[in-house]
Amino acid sequence: LTKHFRALRVWLPLLLHGEEPFRACLREK
């Protein structure tokens, strides 16, 4: 019921950086 606002820590980097850096990082690993 008491819930941390976790969405912001996902939303901000996704919109700030876009998806492509995440894809590149996964491919690199």
PDB file of all heavy atoms in Angstrom:
ATOM      1  N   LEU A   1       0.852  -1.176   0.000  1.00  0.00           N
ATOM      2  CA  LEU A   1       0.000   0.000   0.000  1.00  0.00           C
ATOM      3  C   LEU A   1       0.900   1.242   0.000  1.00  0.00           C
ATOM      4  O   LEU A   1       0.765   2.115  -0.841  1.00  0.00           O
ATOM      5  CB  LEU A   1      -0.935   0.012   1.206  1.00  0.00           C
ATOM      6  CG  LEU A   1      -1.866   1.228   1.318  1.00  0.00           C
ATOM      7  CD1 LEU A   1      -2.715   1.398   0.073  1.00  0.00           C
ATOM      8  CD2 LEU A   1      -2.743   1.123   2.556  1.00  0.00           C
ATOM      9  N   THR A   2       1.832   1.297   0.949  1.00  0.00           N
ATOM     10  CA  THR A   2       2.852   2.331   0.905  1.00  0.00           C
ATOM     11  C   THR A   2       3.859   1.925  -0.164  1.00  0.00           C
ATOM     12  O   THR A   2       4.512   0.894  -0.050  1.00  0.00           O
ATOM     13  CB  THR A   2       3.559   2.464   2.261  1.00  0.00           C
ATOM     14  OG1 THR A   2       2.592   2.773   3.264  1.00  0.00           O
ATOM     15  CG2 THR A   2       4.602   3.560   2.216  1.00  0.00           C
ATOM     16  N   LYS A   3       3.970   2.722  -1.199  1.00  0.00           N
ATOM     17  CA  LYS A   3       4.739   2.318  -2.370  1.00  0.00           C
ATOM     18  C   LYS A   3       5.681   3.432  -2.802  1.00  0.00           C
ATOM     19  O   LYS A   3       5.254   4.572  -3.012  1.00  0.00           O
ATOM     20  CB  LYS A   3       3.784   1.966  -3.517  1.00  0.00           C
ATOM     21  CG  LYS A   3       4.460   1.489  -4.800  1.00  0.00           C
ATOM     22  CD  LYS A   3       3.396   1.174  -5.835  1.00  0.00           C
ATOM     23  CE  LYS A   3       3.989   0.894  -7.199  1.00  0.00           C
ATOM     24  NZ  LYS A   3       4.731  -0.362  -7.260  1.00  0.00           N
ATOM     25  N   HIS A   4       6.952   3.085  -2.939  1.00  0.00           N
ATOM     26  CA  HIS A   4       7.946   4.022  -3.435  1.00  0.00           C
ATOM     27  C   HIS A   4       7.641   4.385  -4.896  1.00  0.00           C
ATOM     28  O   HIS A   4       7.161   3.556  -5.667  1.00  0.00           O
ATOM     29  CB  HIS A   4       9.335   3.391  -3.326  1.00  0.00           C
ATOM     30  CG  HIS A   4      10.430   4.237  -3.887  1.00  0.00           C
ATOM     31  ND1 HIS A   4      10.754   5.462  -3.367  1.00  0.00           N
ATOM     32  CD2 HIS A   4      11.281   4.039  -4.916  1.00  0.00           C
ATOM     33  CE1 HIS A   4      11.755   5.977  -4.049  1.00  0.00           C
ATOM     34  NE2 HIS A   4      12.091   5.150  -5.002  1.00  0.00           N
ATOM     35  N   PHE A   5       7.951   5.608  -5.264  1.00  0.00           N
ATOM     36  CA  PHE A   5       7.722   6.088  -6.627  1.00  0.00           C
ATOM     37  C   PHE A   5       8.852   5.564  -7.523  1.00  0.00           C
ATOM     38  O   PHE A   5       9.726   6.304  -7.958  1.00  0.00           O
ATOM     39  CB  PHE A   5       7.678   7.615  -6.609  1.00  0.00           C
ATOM     40  CG  PHE A   5       7.342   8.259  -7.921  1.00  0.00           C
ATOM     41  CD1 PHE A   5       6.730   7.563  -8.960  1.00  0.00           C
ATOM     42  CD2 PHE A   5       7.627   9.603  -8.119  1.00  0.00           C
ATOM     43  CE1 PHE A   5       6.434   8.167 -10.161  1.00  0.00           C
ATOM     44  CE2 PHE A   5       7.334  10.232  -9.317  1.00  0.00           C
ATOM     45  CZ  PHE A   5       6.735   9.507 -10.339  1.00  0.00           C
ATOM     46  N   ARG A   6       8.790   4.267  -7.837  1.00  0.00           N
ATOM     47  CA  ARG A   6       9.865   3.626  -8.604  1.00  0.00           C
ATOM     48  C   ARG A   6       9.830   3.991 -10.077  1.00  0.00           C
ATOM     49  O   ARG A   6      10.849   3.928 -10.759  1.00  0.00           O
ATOM     50  CB  ARG A   6       9.764   2.104  -8.467  1.00  0.00           C
ATOM     51  CG  ARG A   6       9.897   1.600  -7.041  1.00  0.00           C
ATOM     52  CD  ARG A   6       9.889   0.082  -6.964  1.00  0.00           C
ATOM     53  NE  ARG A   6       9.913  -0.339  -5.580  1.00  0.00           N
ATOM     54  CZ  ARG A   6       8.839  -0.726  -4.895  1.00  0.00           C
ATOM     55  NH1 ARG A   6       7.651  -0.779  -5.501  1.00  0.00           N
ATOM     56  NH2 ARG A   6       8.926  -1.080  -3.628  1.00  0.00           N
ATOM     57  N   ALA A   7       8.659   4.328 -10.572  1.00  0.00           N
ATOM     58  CA  ALA A   7       8.534   4.576 -12.012  1.00  0.00           C
ATOM     59  C   ALA A   7       9.463   5.681 -12.484  1.00  0.00           C
ATOM     60  O   ALA A   7       9.965   5.636 -13.605  1.00  0.00           O
ATOM     61  CB  ALA A   7       7.086   4.915 -12.357  1.00  0.00           C
ATOM     62  N   LEU A   8       9.699   6.683 -11.636  1.00  0.00           N
ATOM     63  CA  LEU A   8      10.508   7.822 -12.069  1.00  0.00           C
ATOM     64  C   LEU A   8      11.937   7.399 -12.382  1.00  0.00           C
ATOM     65  O   LEU A   8      12.549   7.910 -13.322  1.00  0.00           O
ATOM     66  CB  LEU A   8      10.495   8.911 -10.988  1.00  0.00           C
ATOM     67  CG  LEU A   8      11.129  10.246 -11.374  1.00  0.00           C
ATOM     68  CD1 LEU A   8      10.416  10.860 -12.579  1.00  0.00           C
ATOM     69  CD2 LEU A   8      11.101  11.218 -10.187  1.00  0.00           C
ATOM     70  N   ARG A   9      12.480   6.444 -11.624  1.00  0.00           N
ATOM     71  CA  ARG A   9      13.859   6.002 -11.869  1.00  0.00           C
ATOM     72  C   ARG A   9      13.975   5.174 -13.150  1.00  0.00           C
ATOM     73  O   ARG A   9      15.088   4.947 -13.637  1.00  0.00           O
ATOM     74  CB  ARG A   9      14.382   5.189 -10.687  1.00  0.00           C
ATOM     75  CG  ARG A   9      13.584   3.952 -10.387  1.00  0.00           C
ATOM     76  CD  ARG A   9      14.321   2.957  -9.529  1.00  0.00           C
ATOM     77  NE  ARG A   9      14.712   3.500  -8.231  1.00  0.00           N
ATOM     78  CZ  ARG A   9      15.244   2.739  -7.277  1.00  0.00           C
ATOM     79  NH1 ARG A   9      15.416   1.439  -7.480  1.00  0.00           N
ATOM     80  NH2 ARG A   9      15.596   3.258  -6.131  1.00  0.00           N
ATOM     81  N   VAL A  10      12.842   4.717 -13.678  1.00  0.00           N
ATOM     82  CA  VAL A  10      12.831   4.031 -14.969  1.00  0.00           C
ATOM     83  C   VAL A  10      12.531   5.025 -16.093  1.00  0.00           C
ATOM     84  O   VAL A  10      13.189   5.037 -17.126  1.00  0.00           O
ATOM     85  CB  VAL A  10      11.777   2.896 -14.996  1.00  0.00           C
ATOM     86  CG1 VAL A  10      11.946   2.047 -16.242  1.00  0.00           C
ATOM     87  CG2 VAL A  10      11.870   2.035 -13.736  1.00  0.00           C
ATOM     88  N   TRP A  11      11.546   5.852 -15.865  1.00  0.00           N
ATOM     89  CA  TRP A  11      11.060   6.794 -16.878  1.00  0.00           C
ATOM     90  C   TRP A  11      12.120   7.819 -17.250  1.00  0.00           C
ATOM     91  O   TRP A  11      12.370   8.074 -18.439  1.00  0.00           O
ATOM     92  CB  TRP A  11       9.808   7.473 -16.326  1.00  0.00           C
ATOM     93  CG  TRP A  11       9.164   8.490 -17.212  1.00  0.00           C
ATOM     94  CD1 TRP A  11       8.264   8.277 -18.216  1.00  0.00           C
ATOM     95  CD2 TRP A  11       9.344   9.916 -17.146  1.00  0.00           C
ATOM     96  NE1 TRP A  11       7.866   9.471 -18.776  1.00  0.00           N
ATOM     97  CE2 TRP A  11       8.516  10.492 -18.144  1.00  0.00           C
ATOM     98  CE3 TRP A  11      10.119  10.757 -16.339  1.00  0.00           C
ATOM     99  CZ2 TRP A  11       8.453  11.870 -18.346  1.00  0.00           C
ATOM    100  CZ3 TRP A  11      10.057  12.124 -16.543  1.00  0.00           C
ATOM    101  CH2 TRP A  11       9.234  12.669 -17.540  1.00  0.00           C
ATOM    102  N   LEU A  12      12.762   8.426 -16.243  1.00  0.00           N
ATOM    103  CA  LEU A  12      13.701   9.515 -16.530  1.00  0.00           C
ATOM    104  C   LEU A  12      14.871   9.057 -17.401  1.00  0.00           C
ATOM    105  O   LEU A  12      15.146   9.679 -18.441  1.00  0.00           O
ATOM    106  CB  LEU A  12      14.191  10.142 -15.225  1.00  0.00           C
ATOM    107  CG  LEU A  12      15.115  11.354 -15.393  1.00  0.00           C
ATOM    108  CD1 LEU A  12      14.386  12.498 -16.075  1.00  0.00           C
ATOM    109  CD2 LEU A  12      15.658  11.807 -14.037  1.00  0.00           C
ATOM    110  N   PRO A  13      15.593   7.977 -17.053  1.00  0.00           N
ATOM    111  CA  PRO A  13      16.698   7.574 -17.934  1.00  0.00           C
ATOM    112  C   PRO A  13      16.248   7.096 -19.306  1.00  0.00           C
ATOM    113  O   PRO A  13      16.945   7.328 -20.299  1.00  0.00           O
ATOM    114  CB  PRO A  13      17.394   6.459 -17.147  1.00  0.00           C
ATOM    115  CG  PRO A  13      16.427   6.002 -16.136  1.00  0.00           C
ATOM    116  CD  PRO A  13      15.567   7.185 -15.805  1.00  0.00           C
ATOM    117  N   LEU A  14      15.093   6.429 -19.383  1.00  0.00           N
ATOM    118  CA  LEU A  14      14.615   5.969 -20.688  1.00  0.00           C
ATOM    119  C   LEU A  14      14.341   7.136 -21.625  1.00  0.00           C
ATOM    120  O   LEU A  14      14.697   7.100 -22.806  1.00  0.00           O
ATOM    121  CB  LEU A  14      13.352   5.128 -20.522  1.00  0.00           C
ATOM    122  CG  LEU A  14      13.517   3.615 -20.437  1.00  0.00           C
ATOM    123  CD1 LEU A  14      12.170   2.949 -20.206  1.00  0.00           C
ATOM    124  CD2 LEU A  14      14.194   3.040 -21.665  1.00  0.00           C
ATOM    125  N   LEU A  15      13.700   8.173 -21.093  1.00  0.00           N
ATOM    126  CA  LEU A  15      13.388   9.316 -21.950  1.00  0.00           C
ATOM    127  C   LEU A  15      14.580  10.241 -22.126  1.00  0.00           C
ATOM    128  O   LEU A  15      14.713  10.896 -23.163  1.00  0.00           O
ATOM    129  CB  LEU A  15      12.195  10.082 -21.388  1.00  0.00           C
ATOM    130  CG  LEU A  15      10.823   9.546 -21.868  1.00  0.00           C
ATOM    131  CD1 LEU A  15      10.500   8.207 -21.248  1.00  0.00           C
ATOM    132  CD2 LEU A  15       9.715  10.542 -21.604  1.00  0.00           C
ATOM    133  N   LEU A  16      15.444  10.279 -21.131  1.00  0.00           N
ATOM    134  CA  LEU A  16      16.628  11.131 -21.227  1.00  0.00           C
ATOM    135  C   LEU A  16      17.620  10.593 -22.252  1.00  0.00           C
ATOM    136  O   LEU A  16      18.194  11.352 -23.050  1.00  0.00           O
ATOM    137  CB  LEU A  16      17.297  11.244 -19.855  1.00  0.00           C
ATOM    138  CG  LEU A  16      18.548  12.111 -19.765  1.00  0.00           C
ATOM    139  CD1 LEU A  16      18.212  13.572 -20.027  1.00  0.00           C
ATOM    140  CD2 LEU A  16      19.204  11.955 -18.397  1.00  0.00           C
ATOM    141  N   HIS A  17      17.833   9.263 -22.239  1.00  0.00           N
ATOM    142  CA  HIS A  17      18.839   8.653 -23.115  1.00  0.00           C
ATOM    143  C   HIS A  17      18.250   8.006 -24.360  1.00  0.00           C
ATOM    144  O   HIS A  17      18.955   7.819 -25.355  1.00  0.00           O
ATOM    145  CB  HIS A  17      19.638   7.590 -22.341  1.00  0.00           C
ATOM    146  CG  HIS A  17      20.364   8.115 -21.153  1.00  0.00           C
ATOM    147  ND1 HIS A  17      21.326   9.086 -21.238  1.00  0.00           N
ATOM    148  CD2 HIS A  17      20.269   7.795 -19.834  1.00  0.00           C
ATOM    149  CE1 HIS A  17      21.809   9.351 -20.028  1.00  0.00           C
ATOM    150  NE2 HIS A  17      21.176   8.589 -19.163  1.00  0.00           N
ATOM    151  N   GLY A  18      16.964   7.640 -24.318  1.00  0.00           N
ATOM    152  CA  GLY A  18      16.400   6.850 -25.402  1.00  0.00           C
ATOM    153  C   GLY A  18      16.773   5.385 -25.245  1.00  0.00           C
ATOM    154  O   GLY A  18      17.609   5.014 -24.411  1.00  0.00           O
ATOM    155  N   GLU A  19      16.185   4.518 -26.047  1.00  0.00           N
ATOM    156  CA  GLU A  19      16.401   3.070 -25.922  1.00  0.00           C
ATOM    157  C   GLU A  19      17.763   2.614 -26.420  1.00  0.00           C
ATOM    158  O   GLU A  19      18.311   1.615 -25.927  1.00  0.00           O
ATOM    159  CB  GLU A  19      15.320   2.310 -26.702  1.00  0.00           C
ATOM    160  CG  GLU A  19      13.924   2.411 -26.126  1.00  0.00           C
ATOM    161  CD  GLU A  19      12.930   1.617 -26.953  1.00  0.00           C
ATOM    162  OE1 GLU A  19      13.260   1.254 -28.109  1.00  0.00           O
ATOM    163  OE2 GLU A  19      11.815   1.361 -26.469  1.00  0.00           O
ATOM    164  N   GLU A  20      18.325   3.291 -27.409  1.00  0.00           N
ATOM    165  CA  GLU A  20      19.500   2.747 -28.096  1.00  0.00           C
ATOM    166  C   GLU A  20      20.709   2.519 -27.208  1.00  0.00           C
ATOM    167  O   GLU A  20      21.402   1.502 -27.353  1.00  0.00           O
ATOM    168  CB  GLU A  20      19.859   3.625 -29.293  1.00  0.00           C
ATOM    169  CG  GLU A  20      18.922   3.443 -30.480  1.00  0.00           C
ATOM    170  CD  GLU A  20      18.699   1.972 -30.828  1.00  0.00           C
ATOM    171  OE1 GLU A  20      19.694   1.241 -31.007  1.00  0.00           O
ATOM    172  OE2 GLU A  20      17.534   1.549 -30.897  1.00  0.00           O
ATOM    173  N   PRO A  21      21.062   3.421 -26.273  1.00  0.00           N
ATOM    174  CA  PRO A  21      22.210   3.120 -25.409  1.00  0.00           C
ATOM    175  C   PRO A  21      22.008   1.861 -24.570  1.00  0.00           C
ATOM    176  O   PRO A  21      22.979   1.135 -24.295  1.00  0.00           O
ATOM    177  CB  PRO A  21      22.329   4.365 -24.525  1.00  0.00           C
ATOM    178  CG  PRO A  21      21.686   5.447 -25.310  1.00  0.00           C
ATOM    179  CD  PRO A  21      20.563   4.787 -26.050  1.00  0.00           C
ATOM    180  N   PHE A  22      20.768   1.582 -24.178  1.00  0.00           N
ATOM    181  CA  PHE A  22      20.489   0.365 -23.422  1.00  0.00           C
ATOM    182  C   PHE A  22      20.728  -0.862 -24.308  1.00  0.00           C
ATOM    183  O   PHE A  22      21.318  -1.860 -23.849  1.00  0.00           O
ATOM    184  CB  PHE A  22      19.048   0.387 -22.908  1.00  0.00           C
ATOM    185  CG  PHE A  22      18.791   1.423 -21.850  1.00  0.00           C
ATOM    186  CD1 PHE A  22      18.359   2.693 -22.199  1.00  0.00           C
ATOM    187  CD2 PHE A  22      18.994   1.139 -20.514  1.00  0.00           C
ATOM    188  CE1 PHE A  22      18.127   3.660 -21.236  1.00  0.00           C
ATOM    189  CE2 PHE A  22      18.765   2.094 -19.533  1.00  0.00           C
ATOM    190  CZ  PHE A  22      18.331   3.358 -19.899  1.00  0.00           C
ATOM    191  N   ARG A  23      20.270  -0.788 -25.537  1.00  0.00           N
ATOM    192  CA  ARG A  23      20.494  -1.908 -26.461  1.00  0.00           C
ATOM    193  C   ARG A  23      21.988  -2.121 -26.704  1.00  0.00           C
ATOM    194  O   ARG A  23      22.481  -3.260 -26.701  1.00  0.00           O
ATOM    195  CB  ARG A  23      19.784  -1.649 -27.786  1.00  0.00           C
ATOM    196  CG  ARG A  23      18.268  -1.716 -27.718  1.00  0.00           C
ATOM    197  CD  ARG A  23      17.672  -1.766 -29.124  1.00  0.00           C
ATOM    198  NE  ARG A  23      16.232  -1.948 -29.073  1.00  0.00           N
ATOM    199  CZ  ARG A  23      15.344  -0.965 -29.146  1.00  0.00           C
ATOM    200  NH1 ARG A  23      15.766   0.289 -29.285  1.00  0.00           N
ATOM    201  NH2 ARG A  23      14.045  -1.199 -29.089  1.00  0.00           N
ATOM    202  N   ALA A  24      22.713  -1.039 -26.923  1.00  0.00           N
ATOM    203  CA  ALA A  24      24.154  -1.153 -27.183  1.00  0.00           C
ATOM    204  C   ALA A  24      24.862  -1.776 -25.992  1.00  0.00           C
ATOM    205  O   ALA A  24      25.756  -2.622 -26.157  1.00  0.00           O
ATOM    206  CB  ALA A  24      24.737   0.221 -27.496  1.00  0.00           C
ATOM    207  N   CYS A  25      24.465  -1.373 -24.808  1.00  0.00           N
ATOM    208  CA  CYS A  25      25.105  -1.900 -23.597  1.00  0.00           C
ATOM    209  C   CYS A  25      24.831  -3.394 -23.448  1.00  0.00           C
ATOM    210  O   CYS A  25      25.727  -4.166 -23.088  1.00  0.00           O
ATOM    211  CB  CYS A  25      24.590  -1.127 -22.388  1.00  0.00           C
ATOM    212  SG  CYS A  25      25.736  -1.092 -20.997  1.00  0.00           S
ATOM    213  N   LEU A  26      23.602  -3.828 -23.715  1.00  0.00           N
ATOM    214  CA  LEU A  26      23.284  -5.250 -23.638  1.00  0.00           C
ATOM    215  C   LEU A  26      24.087  -6.048 -24.671  1.00  0.00           C
ATOM    216  O   LEU A  26      24.613  -7.132 -24.362  1.00  0.00           O
ATOM    217  CB  LEU A  26      21.791  -5.462 -23.855  1.00  0.00           C
ATOM    218  CG  LEU A  26      20.863  -5.005 -22.722  1.00  0.00           C
ATOM    219  CD1 LEU A  26      19.413  -5.057 -23.169  1.00  0.00           C
ATOM    220  CD2 LEU A  26      21.067  -5.847 -21.472  1.00  0.00           C
ATOM    221  N   ARG A  27      24.172  -5.529 -25.876  1.00  0.00           N
ATOM    222  CA  ARG A  27      24.956  -6.225 -26.910  1.00  0.00           C
ATOM    223  C   ARG A  27      26.424  -6.331 -26.508  1.00  0.00           C
ATOM    224  O   ARG A  27      27.081  -7.360 -26.712  1.00  0.00           O
ATOM    225  CB  ARG A  27      24.825  -5.499 -28.246  1.00  0.00           C
ATOM    226  CG  ARG A  27      23.473  -5.642 -28.918  1.00  0.00           C
ATOM    227  CD  ARG A  27      23.472  -5.091 -30.338  1.00  0.00           C
ATOM    228  NE  ARG A  27      22.197  -5.351 -30.997  1.00  0.00           N
ATOM    229  CZ  ARG A  27      21.240  -4.444 -31.169  1.00  0.00           C
ATOM    230  NH1 ARG A  27      21.429  -3.198 -30.748  1.00  0.00           N
ATOM    231  NH2 ARG A  27      20.102  -4.767 -31.772  1.00  0.00           N
ATOM    232  N   GLU A  28      26.944  -5.249 -25.953  1.00  0.00           N
ATOM    233  CA  GLU A  28      28.347  -5.256 -25.515  1.00  0.00           C
ATOM    234  C   GLU A  28      28.579  -6.348 -24.480  1.00  0.00           C
ATOM    235  O   GLU A  28      29.583  -7.068 -24.546  1.00  0.00           O
ATOM    236  CB  GLU A  28      28.710  -3.890 -24.932  1.00  0.00           C
ATOM    237  CG  GLU A  28      30.148  -3.822 -24.410  1.00  0.00           C
ATOM    238  CD  GLU A  28      30.369  -2.655 -23.481  1.00  0.00           C
ATOM    239  OE1 GLU A  28      29.385  -2.121 -22.916  1.00  0.00           O
ATOM    240  OE2 GLU A  28      31.538  -2.281 -23.293  1.00  0.00           O
ATOM    241  N   LYS A  29      27.680  -6.501 -23.527  1.00  0.00           N
ATOM    242  CA  LYS A  29      27.876  -7.494 -22.463  1.00  0.00           C
ATOM    243  C   LYS A  29      27.834  -8.920 -23.032  1.00  0.00           C
ATOM    244  O   LYS A  29      28.562  -9.803 -22.569  1.00  0.00           O
ATOM    245  CB  LYS A  29      26.833  -7.330 -21.364  1.00  0.00           C
ATOM    246  CG  LYS A  29      26.729  -5.928 -20.786  1.00  0.00           C
ATOM    247  CD  LYS A  29      28.071  -5.249 -20.547  1.00  0.00           C
ATOM    248  CE  LYS A  29      27.849  -3.783 -20.234  1.00  0.00           C
ATOM    249  NZ  LYS A  29      29.071  -2.976 -20.369  1.00  0.00           N
TER     250      LYS A  29
END
